[in-house]
Amino acid sequence: MKKFIVFLVAVGLVLYGASPLFAGGAINKNNLSAEYIRTMNRAAATDSADIVAYNPAGTTALEDGMYSNFSFQYIDKEYENIVSGTTYTTTEPSTIPELYVVYKKGQWAGF
């Protein structure tokens, strides 16, 4: 019985600790590459190095060799936050660089 309680506590801690992993938003933060912005779908892609973020198992479908994908995303934003009665605003755009590299050999792919 004691082992079972320890097991339940361990499982509970794992599940409790896993929830913050999606705190940034699993649904609304899926534009991890410029290829996604272009096609609006990368879940089943097997054609570029950026699939490591969307479909890691799909890297085994690539031909043998080295693949790389370097791109930028430009985010034009306008934010306003109020903290302790003080308003902070920004309209400065962000440029986000992205680099994906995959090496495929046989049934193995490293990224």
C-alpha atoms as a PDB file:
ATOM      1  CA  MET A   1       0.000   0.000   0.000  1.00  0.00           C
ATOM      2  CA  LYS A   2       2.854   2.364   0.853  1.00  0.00           C
ATOM      3  CA  LYS A   3       4.473   1.814  -2.557  1.00  0.00           C
ATOM      4  CA  PHE A   4       1.159   2.550  -4.257  1.00  0.00           C
ATOM      5  CA  ILE A   5       0.798   5.865  -2.402  1.00  0.00           C
ATOM      6  CA  VAL A   6       4.368   6.820  -3.299  1.00  0.00           C
ATOM      7  CA  PHE A   7       3.583   5.924  -6.903  1.00  0.00           C
ATOM      8  CA  LEU A   8       0.439   8.096  -6.907  1.00  0.00           C
ATOM      9  CA  VAL A   9       2.343  11.022  -5.388  1.00  0.00           C
ATOM     10  CA  ALA A  10       5.093  10.665  -8.007  1.00  0.00           C
ATOM     11  CA  VAL A  11       2.561  10.564 -10.853  1.00  0.00           C
ATOM     12  CA  GLY A  12       0.768  13.565  -9.368  1.00  0.00           C
ATOM     13  CA  LEU A  13       4.005  15.559  -9.204  1.00  0.00           C
ATOM     14  CA  VAL A  14       4.850  14.697 -12.801  1.00  0.00           C
ATOM     15  CA  LEU A  15       1.410  15.764 -14.003  1.00  0.00           C
ATOM     16  CA  TYR A  16       1.521  18.910 -11.879  1.00  0.00           C
ATOM     17  CA  GLY A  17       4.954  19.824 -13.259  1.00  0.00           C
ATOM     18  CA  ALA A  18       3.949  19.154 -16.856  1.00  0.00           C
ATOM     19  CA  SER A  19       1.158  21.741 -16.929  1.00  0.00           C
ATOM     20  CA  PRO A  20       3.483  24.811 -16.995  1.00  0.00           C
ATOM     21  CA  LEU A  21       5.059  23.469 -20.181  1.00  0.00           C
ATOM     22  CA  PHE A  22       2.025  24.730 -22.102  1.00  0.00           C
ATOM     23  CA  ALA A  23       1.764  28.012 -20.214  1.00  0.00           C
ATOM     24  CA  GLY A  24       2.841  29.963 -23.299  1.00  0.00           C
ATOM     25  CA  GLY A  25      -0.010  28.484 -25.293  1.00  0.00           C
ATOM     26  CA  ALA A  26       0.121  25.193 -27.133  1.00  0.00           C
ATOM     27  CA  ILE A  27      -2.492  26.326 -29.639  1.00  0.00           C
ATOM     28  CA  ASN A  28      -1.661  29.948 -30.383  1.00  0.00           C
ATOM     29  CA  LYS A  29       2.132  29.610 -30.504  1.00  0.00           C
ATOM     30  CA  ASN A  30       2.433  27.278 -33.465  1.00  0.00           C
ATOM     31  CA  ASN A  31       4.209  29.655 -35.830  1.00  0.00           C
ATOM     32  CA  LEU A  32       7.669  28.304 -35.053  1.00  0.00           C
ATOM     33  CA  SER A  33       8.978  28.792 -38.589  1.00  0.00           C
ATOM     34  CA  ALA A  34       8.474  31.006 -41.606  1.00  0.00           C
ATOM     35  CA  GLU A  35       7.372  27.910 -43.529  1.00  0.00           C
ATOM     36  CA  TYR A  36       4.355  27.692 -41.235  1.00  0.00           C
ATOM     37  CA  ILE A  37       3.423  31.304 -41.996  1.00  0.00           C
ATOM     38  CA  ARG A  38       3.648  30.505 -45.716  1.00  0.00           C
ATOM     39  CA  THR A  39       1.592  27.288 -45.674  1.00  0.00           C
ATOM     40  CA  MET A  40      -0.352  27.584 -42.363  1.00  0.00           C
ATOM     41  CA  ASN A  41       0.179  23.842 -41.839  1.00  0.00           C
ATOM     42  CA  ARG A  42       3.327  21.881 -40.976  1.00  0.00           C
ATOM     43  CA  ALA A  43       1.917  19.040 -38.856  1.00  0.00           C
ATOM     44  CA  ALA A  44       2.527  16.316 -41.460  1.00  0.00           C
ATOM     45  CA  ALA A  45       5.326  17.954 -43.448  1.00  0.00           C
ATOM     46  CA  THR A  46       8.382  15.956 -44.522  1.00  0.00           C
ATOM     47  CA  ASP A  47      10.009  18.420 -46.905  1.00  0.00           C
ATOM     48  CA  SER A  48      12.203  20.811 -44.904  1.00  0.00           C
ATOM     49  CA  ALA A  49      14.421  21.019 -41.828  1.00  0.00           C
ATOM     50  CA  ASP A  50      11.817  22.936 -39.827  1.00  0.00           C
ATOM     51  CA  ILE A  51       9.768  19.755 -39.389  1.00  0.00           C
ATOM     52  CA  VAL A  52      11.799  19.033 -36.246  1.00  0.00           C
ATOM     53  CA  ALA A  53       9.462  21.467 -34.454  1.00  0.00           C
ATOM     54  CA  TYR A  54       6.232  20.068 -35.887  1.00  0.00           C
ATOM     55  CA  ASN A  55       6.808  16.468 -36.976  1.00  0.00           C
ATOM     56  CA  PRO A  56      10.051  15.016 -35.535  1.00  0.00           C
ATOM     57  CA  ALA A  57       9.136  11.502 -36.696  1.00  0.00           C
ATOM     58  CA  GLY A  58       8.835  12.859 -40.235  1.00  0.00           C
ATOM     59  CA  THR A  59      12.582  13.482 -40.343  1.00  0.00           C
ATOM     60  CA  THR A  60      13.041   9.780 -41.072  1.00  0.00           C
ATOM     61  CA  ALA A  61      11.148  10.269 -44.363  1.00  0.00           C
ATOM     62  CA  LEU A  62      13.798  12.697 -45.655  1.00  0.00           C
ATOM     63  CA  GLU A  63      16.442  11.495 -48.097  1.00  0.00           C
ATOM     64  CA  ASP A  64      19.899  10.891 -46.577  1.00  0.00           C
ATOM     65  CA  GLY A  65      21.952  14.042 -46.124  1.00  0.00           C
ATOM     66  CA  MET A  66      22.145  17.389 -44.350  1.00  0.00           C
ATOM     67  CA  TYR A  67      19.192  19.792 -44.368  1.00  0.00           C
ATOM     68  CA  SER A  68      19.102  23.335 -43.059  1.00  0.00           C
ATOM     69  CA  ASN A  69      16.491  26.053 -42.893  1.00  0.00           C
ATOM     70  CA  PHE A  70      17.344  29.621 -41.911  1.00  0.00           C
ATOM     71  CA  SER A  71      14.654  32.271 -41.889  1.00  0.00           C
ATOM     72  CA  PHE A  72      13.330  35.329 -40.082  1.00  0.00           C
ATOM     73  CA  GLN A  73       9.929  36.273 -38.775  1.00  0.00           C
ATOM     74  CA  TYR A  74       8.954  39.914 -38.432  1.00  0.00           C
ATOM     75  CA  ILE A  75       6.358  40.595 -35.760  1.00  0.00           C
ATOM     76  CA  ASP A  76       4.701  44.006 -35.778  1.00  0.00           C
ATOM     77  CA  LYS A  77       3.189  44.467 -32.344  1.00  0.00           C
ATOM     78  CA  GLU A  78       1.564  47.041 -30.140  1.00  0.00           C
ATOM     79  CA  TYR A  79       1.445  46.212 -26.426  1.00  0.00           C
ATOM     80  CA  GLU A  80       0.224  48.091 -23.389  1.00  0.00           C
ATOM     81  CA  ASN A  81       0.598  46.872 -19.804  1.00  0.00           C
ATOM     82  CA  ILE A  82      -0.448  48.569 -16.583  1.00  0.00           C
ATOM     83  CA  VAL A  83       1.663  47.667 -13.556  1.00  0.00           C
ATOM     84  CA  SER A  84       1.104  49.367 -10.192  1.00  0.00           C
ATOM     85  CA  GLY A  85      -0.720  52.243 -11.860  1.00  0.00           C
ATOM     86  CA  THR A  86       2.054  52.880 -14.412  1.00  0.00           C
ATOM     87  CA  THR A  87       1.307  52.279 -18.091  1.00  0.00           C
ATOM     88  CA  TYR A  88       4.033  50.740 -20.238  1.00  0.00           C
ATOM     89  CA  THR A  89       3.620  50.732 -24.024  1.00  0.00           C
ATOM     90  CA  THR A  90       5.684  49.503 -26.934  1.00  0.00           C
ATOM     91  CA  THR A  91       5.277  49.561 -30.689  1.00  0.00           C
ATOM     92  CA  GLU A  92       8.765  48.319 -31.506  1.00  0.00           C
ATOM     93  CA  PRO A  93       8.642  45.393 -33.953  1.00  0.00           C
ATOM     94  CA  SER A  94      10.541  42.175 -33.303  1.00  0.00           C
ATOM     95  CA  THR A  95      12.696  40.245 -35.746  1.00  0.00           C
ATOM     96  CA  ILE A  96      13.059  36.606 -34.752  1.00  0.00           C
ATOM     97  CA  PRO A  97      15.770  34.493 -36.433  1.00  0.00           C
ATOM     98  CA  GLU A  98      15.185  30.764 -36.894  1.00  0.00           C
ATOM     99  CA  LEU A  99      17.696  28.034 -37.666  1.00  0.00           C
ATOM    100  CA  TYR A 100      16.882  24.355 -38.118  1.00  0.00           C
ATOM    101  CA  VAL A 101      19.486  21.730 -39.049  1.00  0.00           C
ATOM    102  CA  VAL A 102      18.819  18.021 -39.634  1.00  0.00           C
ATOM    103  CA  TYR A 103      21.276  15.268 -40.557  1.00  0.00           C
ATOM    104  CA  LYS A 104      19.645  12.088 -41.878  1.00  0.00           C
ATOM    105  CA  LYS A 105      21.478   8.790 -42.356  1.00  0.00           C
ATOM    106  CA  GLY A 106      19.594   5.533 -42.870  1.00  0.00           C
ATOM    107  CA  GLN A 107      16.799   5.220 -40.348  1.00  0.00           C
ATOM    108  CA  TRP A 108      18.315   7.821 -38.016  1.00  0.00           C
ATOM    109  CA  ALA A 109      18.009  11.593 -38.024  1.00  0.00           C
ATOM    110  CA  GLY A 110      19.715  14.035 -35.682  1.00  0.00           C
ATOM    111  CA  PHE A 111      18.696  17.624 -35.141  1.00  0.00           C
END
